[in-house]
Protein backbone atom coordinates (compact mmCIF):
# COMPACT_ATOMS: atom_id res chain seq x y z
CA MET A 1 23.88 45.49 22.83
CA PRO A 2 25.17 49.06 24.72
CA ILE A 3 28.45 49.14 26.63
CA SER A 4 27.30 49.07 30.33
CA PRO A 5 29.29 51.56 32.81
CA PHE A 6 29.31 48.45 35.54
CA PRO A 7 32.07 46.30 33.90
CA HIS A 8 30.85 42.71 33.48
CA PHE A 9 27.98 43.66 34.72
CA TYR A 10 25.55 42.04 32.48
CA ASP A 11 27.56 38.65 32.18
CA ASP A 12 27.93 38.54 36.64
CA PHE A 13 23.88 38.58 36.53
CA THR A 14 23.78 36.09 33.90
CA ILE A 15 26.12 33.76 35.55
CA PHE A 16 24.62 34.64 39.25
CA PHE A 17 21.06 34.53 38.25
CA HIS A 18 20.70 31.08 36.50
CA LYS A 19 18.78 31.69 32.85
CA ASN A 20 15.49 29.30 34.27
CA ASN A 21 15.50 31.65 37.30
CA THR A 22 12.66 34.53 35.65
CA LYS A 23 12.62 36.22 38.88
CA GLY A 24 16.41 36.66 39.03
CA PHE A 25 16.72 37.09 35.99
CA PHE A 26 14.50 40.31 35.95
CA ILE A 27 16.41 42.35 38.69
CA ALA A 28 19.59 41.54 36.52
CA LYS A 29 17.51 43.27 33.37
CA ARG A 30 16.16 45.96 35.68
CA LEU A 31 19.53 46.93 37.17
CA PHE A 32 21.78 46.65 33.97
CA SER A 33 18.86 49.16 32.71
CA PHE A 34 19.85 51.50 35.38
CA ALA A 35 23.53 51.18 34.55
CA GLN A 36 23.16 52.30 31.25
CA LYS A 37 20.89 55.49 31.84
CA LYS A 38 23.55 56.54 34.23
CA ASN A 39 26.84 56.91 31.83
CA ASN A 40 29.17 59.05 31.32
CA MET A 41 28.93 60.43 34.43
CA LEU A 42 31.20 59.82 38.02
CA TYR A 43 30.33 57.85 41.05
CA SER A 44 31.38 58.95 44.67
CA MET A 45 32.76 56.20 47.01
CA THR A 46 30.34 56.66 49.83
CA GLY A 47 26.90 56.34 49.74
CA PHE A 48 23.52 55.05 51.47
CA GLY A 49 20.60 53.01 50.87
CA ARG A 50 17.45 51.66 52.30
CA ALA A 51 14.31 49.62 51.18
CA GLU A 52 11.98 47.67 52.73
CA ALA A 53 8.72 45.38 51.98
CA THR A 54 6.47 42.79 53.66
CA VAL A 55 7.25 39.67 52.13
CA ASN A 56 4.73 36.62 53.26
CA GLY A 57 4.22 38.09 56.51
CA ARG A 58 7.55 39.37 57.11
CA GLN A 59 8.75 42.79 57.28
CA VAL A 60 12.07 42.60 55.34
CA ILE A 61 14.09 46.19 55.80
CA VAL A 62 17.51 46.21 54.14
CA GLU A 63 20.19 49.50 54.97
CA MET A 64 23.15 49.39 53.46
CA LYS A 65 26.39 52.35 53.64
CA ALA A 66 29.60 52.67 51.33
CA LEU A 67 32.89 53.91 52.50
CA ASN A 68 36.35 54.66 50.84
CA GLY A 69 38.29 51.24 50.09
CA LYS A 70 40.58 49.99 47.24
CA GLN A 71 38.89 47.06 46.56
CA PHE A 72 34.92 45.21 47.74
CA ASP A 73 35.25 44.75 51.20
CA ILE A 74 31.54 43.74 52.61
CA SER A 75 30.27 43.60 56.62
CA THR A 76 26.86 41.65 56.27
CA LYS A 77 24.27 42.02 59.64
CA LEU A 78 21.77 39.55 58.67
CA PRO A 79 19.80 37.17 61.08
CA PRO A 80 19.25 33.66 61.45
CA ILE A 81 16.93 33.28 58.68
CA LEU A 82 19.34 34.85 56.28
CA ARG A 83 22.68 32.91 56.24
CA SER A 84 22.08 30.24 54.12
CA TYR A 85 21.76 33.19 51.45
CA GLU A 86 25.19 35.46 52.74
CA LEU A 87 27.09 33.79 50.24
CA ASP A 88 24.48 35.02 47.61
CA ILE A 89 24.40 38.41 48.73
CA ARG A 90 27.96 38.66 48.75
CA THR A 91 28.48 37.80 45.21
CA MET A 92 25.12 39.90 44.17
CA LEU A 93 26.43 43.25 45.65
CA SER A 94 29.82 42.37 44.70
CA ALA A 95 28.14 43.02 41.22
CA LEU A 96 26.05 45.70 41.61
CA LEU A 97 28.57 48.16 43.98
CA ILE A 98 31.94 47.36 42.55
CA ARG A 99 34.21 48.25 44.61
CA GLY A 100 34.18 50.34 48.24
CA THR A 101 33.48 49.66 52.34
CA ILE A 102 30.07 47.94 52.83
CA ASP A 103 28.15 47.71 55.81
CA ILE A 104 24.43 45.52 54.91
CA THR A 105 22.06 45.41 57.69
CA VAL A 106 19.19 43.39 56.83
CA ASN A 107 16.24 43.09 59.57
CA VAL A 108 13.22 40.64 59.12
CA ARG A 109 10.31 41.02 61.47
CA GLN A 110 7.18 38.72 61.58
CA GLU A 111 3.89 40.62 61.34
CA GLY A 112 0.95 39.24 63.40
CA ALA A 113 -0.34 37.77 66.18
CA SER A 114 0.33 34.03 64.22
CA LYS A 115 3.68 33.99 64.69
CA PRO A 116 4.92 30.47 64.37
CA MET A 117 7.06 29.17 67.31
CA VAL A 118 8.61 26.61 68.91
CA VAL A 119 10.21 26.70 73.13
CA ASN A 120 13.32 24.96 73.33
CA THR A 121 12.84 22.70 76.36
CA ASP A 122 15.72 21.09 77.21
CA LEU A 123 17.01 24.31 77.37
CA ALA A 124 14.12 25.90 79.49
CA LEU A 125 14.52 22.63 82.15
CA PHE A 126 18.26 23.96 82.28
CA TYR A 127 17.41 27.45 83.07
CA TYR A 128 14.47 26.28 85.46
CA GLN A 129 16.77 24.01 87.81
CA GLY A 130 18.96 27.31 88.35
CA MET A 131 16.43 29.83 88.69
CA LYS A 132 14.60 27.30 91.23
CA GLN A 133 17.51 26.55 93.20
CA ILE A 134 18.72 30.28 93.68
CA ALA A 135 14.89 30.76 94.58
CA GLU A 136 15.06 28.49 97.51
CA GLN A 137 18.47 29.44 98.36
CA THR A 138 17.55 33.24 98.61
CA GLY A 139 13.83 32.40 99.76
CA LEU A 140 12.39 34.04 96.95
CA PRO A 141 9.61 33.52 95.64
CA GLN A 142 8.92 31.34 92.04
CA GLU A 143 5.62 32.49 91.20
CA ASN A 144 7.29 34.34 88.41
CA ILE A 145 9.88 31.74 87.44
CA ILE A 146 7.97 30.70 84.27
CA SER A 147 7.38 34.27 82.55
CA THR A 148 11.02 35.12 83.44
CA LEU A 149 12.23 32.05 81.48
CA MET A 150 10.32 32.72 78.61
CA ARG A 151 12.78 35.36 78.15
CA MET A 152 15.90 33.85 78.51
CA PRO A 153 17.80 33.87 75.58
CA GLU A 154 17.23 31.07 72.62
CA VAL A 155 14.14 29.48 74.96
CA VAL A 156 11.50 30.78 72.75
CA ALA A 157 12.13 30.81 69.11
CA PRO A 158 11.02 30.75 65.23
CA ASP A 159 10.20 27.65 63.77
CA GLN A 160 11.89 27.82 61.23
CA ASP A 161 15.60 28.59 60.88
CA VAL A 162 16.05 28.95 56.63
CA LEU A 163 14.10 31.04 54.84
CA PRO A 164 11.89 29.76 51.96
CA GLU A 165 13.27 29.81 48.58
CA ALA A 166 9.85 31.86 47.32
CA ASP A 167 10.68 34.23 49.67
CA TRP A 168 14.01 34.63 49.32
CA GLU A 169 13.78 35.41 45.71
CA ASN A 170 11.54 38.55 46.79
CA VAL A 171 14.45 39.46 49.88
CA LYS A 172 16.55 39.40 47.21
CA LYS A 173 14.79 42.60 45.08
CA VAL A 174 14.23 44.19 48.41
CA ILE A 175 18.54 44.07 48.52
CA VAL A 176 18.49 44.83 44.96
CA ASP A 177 16.37 48.16 45.71
CA ALA A 178 19.00 49.33 48.62
CA ALA A 179 21.81 49.11 46.09
CA GLN A 180 20.14 50.84 43.25
CA GLN A 181 18.92 53.94 45.78
CA LEU A 182 23.34 53.38 47.17
CA MET A 183 24.16 53.96 43.69
CA GLN A 184 21.90 56.27 42.54
CA HIS A 185 23.08 58.40 45.77
CA ARG A 186 27.11 57.78 44.87
CA LEU A 187 25.87 59.25 41.16
CA ASP A 188 24.11 62.33 43.26
CA GLU A 189 27.18 63.10 44.79
CA GLY A 190 29.63 61.89 41.65
CA GLU A 191 27.65 65.04 39.91
CA ALA A 192 28.86 67.94 42.35
CA MET A 193 32.74 66.11 42.21
CA LEU A 194 33.04 65.71 38.48
CA ARG A 195 32.02 69.73 37.91
CA ASP A 196 34.38 70.44 40.81
CA ILE A 197 37.39 68.16 38.84
CA LYS A 198 36.63 69.76 36.00
CA LEU A 199 37.41 72.99 36.79
CA ARG A 200 40.93 72.22 37.85
CA ILE A 201 41.90 70.73 35.47
CA SER A 202 40.70 73.49 32.90
CA ASN A 203 42.79 75.68 35.33
CA ILE A 204 45.61 73.56 34.83
CA GLU A 205 45.45 73.88 30.70
CA MET A 206 44.90 77.71 31.35
CA LEU A 207 47.64 78.20 33.56
CA HIS A 208 49.41 75.99 30.62
CA GLU A 209 48.61 78.35 28.30
CA LYS A 210 49.79 81.43 30.15
CA ILE A 211 52.86 79.81 30.06
CA LEU A 212 53.51 80.11 26.19
CA PRO A 213 54.40 84.17 26.10
CA LEU A 214 56.94 83.83 28.37
CA GLU A 215 58.77 81.23 26.79
CA LYS A 216 60.82 83.67 24.80
CA GLU A 217 61.62 85.73 27.66
CA ARG A 218 62.64 83.21 29.72
CA THR A 219 65.46 82.30 27.17
CA GLU A 220 66.78 85.67 26.51
CA ARG A 221 67.12 86.22 30.49
CA ILE A 222 69.18 83.08 30.59
CA ARG A 223 71.29 84.12 27.27
CA ALA A 224 71.78 87.67 29.14
CA ARG A 225 72.81 85.95 32.45
CA LEU A 226 75.23 83.45 31.45
CA THR A 227 76.79 86.22 29.35
CA GLN A 228 76.81 88.64 32.04
CA TRP A 229 78.60 85.72 34.12
CA LEU A 230 81.17 84.83 31.77
CA ASP A 231 81.89 88.46 31.24
CA ASP A 232 82.85 88.77 34.57
CA MET A 233 84.38 85.11 35.10
CA ALA A 234 86.83 85.80 32.01
CA GLY A 235 86.10 89.36 29.90
CA LYS A 236 84.87 89.57 26.35
CA GLN A 237 87.71 89.62 24.74
CA ASN A 238 88.67 86.37 25.97
CA ILE A 239 85.69 84.63 25.20
CA ASP A 240 85.33 82.34 21.66
CA PRO A 241 81.99 83.46 20.43
CA ASN A 242 81.60 80.29 18.46
CA ARG A 243 82.73 78.27 21.22
CA PHE A 244 80.09 80.53 23.71
CA GLU A 245 77.24 79.90 20.86
CA GLN A 246 77.64 76.25 21.24
CA GLU A 247 77.76 75.67 24.79
CA MET A 248 75.10 77.99 25.19
CA ILE A 249 72.91 75.69 22.69
CA TYR A 250 73.46 72.88 24.89
CA TYR A 251 72.43 74.80 27.45
CA LEU A 252 69.31 76.07 25.73
CA GLU A 253 68.72 72.35 25.12
CA ARG A 254 68.88 70.85 28.87
CA MET A 255 66.51 73.56 30.08
CA ASP A 256 64.36 73.37 27.47
CA PHE A 257 60.57 71.83 28.72
CA SER A 258 58.35 71.92 25.15
CA GLU A 259 57.94 67.93 25.80
CA GLU A 260 56.92 68.68 28.99
CA LYS A 261 54.32 71.09 27.98
CA ILE A 262 53.38 68.82 24.93
CA ARG A 263 52.40 65.78 27.21
CA LEU A 264 50.84 67.79 29.99
CA LYS A 265 48.43 69.11 27.12
CA GLN A 266 47.90 65.47 26.43
CA HIS A 267 47.37 64.61 29.91
CA CYS A 268 44.97 67.11 30.63
CA GLY A 269 42.91 65.87 27.21
CA TYR A 270 43.27 62.26 27.76
CA PHE A 271 41.50 63.02 31.46
CA ASN A 272 38.62 64.75 29.87
CA ASP A 273 38.51 62.04 27.18
CA THR A 274 38.21 59.31 30.60
CA VAL A 275 36.07 61.13 33.06
CA ASN A 276 33.31 60.91 29.77
CA GLU A 277 33.95 57.10 29.43
CA ASN A 278 31.32 54.37 29.92
CA ASP A 279 32.63 52.93 32.74
CA ALA A 280 31.08 53.36 36.09
CA ALA A 281 34.75 52.88 37.74
CA ILE A 282 37.66 54.74 36.96
CA GLY A 283 38.82 55.95 40.00
CA ARG A 284 41.93 53.99 39.61
CA LYS A 285 42.65 55.11 36.37
CA LEU A 286 41.98 58.72 36.94
CA ASN A 287 44.17 58.88 39.75
CA PHE A 288 46.77 57.55 37.73
CA ILE A 289 46.61 60.21 35.01
CA LEU A 290 46.70 62.59 38.02
CA GLN A 291 50.56 61.49 38.36
CA GLU A 292 51.53 61.46 35.10
CA ILE A 293 50.12 65.41 34.97
CA GLY A 294 51.70 66.08 38.08
CA ARG A 295 55.28 64.38 37.09
CA GLU A 296 54.95 67.07 34.14
CA ILE A 297 54.10 69.75 36.46
CA ASN A 298 57.09 69.09 38.20
CA THR A 299 59.37 68.78 35.52
CA LEU A 300 58.57 72.08 34.31
CA GLY A 301 59.39 73.80 37.67
CA SER A 302 62.87 71.96 38.36
CA LYS A 303 63.49 73.79 34.27
CA ALA A 304 61.61 76.88 34.88
CA ASN A 305 64.38 79.16 35.35
CA HIS A 306 61.95 82.38 35.64
CA ALA A 307 59.60 83.83 38.60
CA GLU A 308 56.75 83.81 36.91
CA ILE A 309 56.53 80.83 35.45
CA GLN A 310 57.42 79.30 38.94
CA GLN A 311 54.57 81.37 40.49
CA LEU A 312 52.22 79.38 37.82
CA VAL A 313 53.82 76.29 38.34
CA ILE A 314 52.51 76.23 42.20
CA ASN A 315 49.57 77.46 41.33
CA MET A 316 49.08 74.27 38.90
CA LYS A 317 50.28 72.10 42.10
CA ASP A 318 47.49 73.96 44.07
CA GLU A 319 44.86 72.66 41.51
CA LEU A 320 46.02 69.08 41.16
CA GLU A 321 46.23 69.10 44.90
CA LYS A 322 42.17 69.63 44.91
CA ALA A 323 42.22 67.35 42.17
CA LYS A 324 44.01 64.14 43.96
CA GLU A 325 41.39 65.04 46.81
CA GLN A 326 37.97 64.81 44.91
CA ILE A 327 39.79 60.94 43.19
CA LEU A 328 40.31 59.84 46.13
CA ASN A 329 36.48 59.47 46.74
CA ILE A 330 35.61 58.13 42.86
CA LEU A 331 34.72 55.11 42.46
């Protein structure tokens, strides 16, 4: 089986949709196939999805949006008829959307004139007694009490408080369709962000290469500056050349940033490799790699002692900050 970009996607859905439940298993397979086709891409944290369908005379409209969030946090707005399925919806969307702040609204509207309704007689009588008393005390006419009574909250309600299991299977498909549209929206945004992030890392690598020709000049400048300083302080005739050379080597070793350059290049390569991994949720990992890149750039700047190299380091930091801004919105 190919690797899914959604962690544990297939296993979660195999558990959630019982293996004897063919409809649910079909939905899992369909979304699993969608995920496989979209590998090697970044997904944005933000997105919007909408789907609607008619289920047994009811119009079902599902809308969901996703915003930035470190964990999976979902807010649901469901009609009473779907309240018993709220846990199922949360479990399903947790596997599909991975993480982020999710808002989902599901509207279920009965179509046609044969909408089965029931009147809450006890509640209607309670309202009626109060309305009648007010009408008598104020002298208002009582002809319209019935029409007003029928519009009072919960006096008239659907005769079915729970959606039948067969209808729920079809509603579930509508929710999955909306989630699939949201993931597609995330993917479309992620493509543009991927191009920008790759450009930032490429610019850092390019600036890194510009440092290499300046290293010899940097070492010579440091040596000349220290030699001149000692000549001015102690006089050239009072300096032991052998001891001076030992101290110079020790100082230059402390100021050497060869290891930082190697690690910076390795981190940039690792970042590019990670972007191409078959995993949709790599935002956290990429953020950690950028932190490591930032440490190496900072060390280069502190050891530079060279104006041109420090300018290159400043430009690296600028590119890094732009990359970090984009990574905050990566799934």
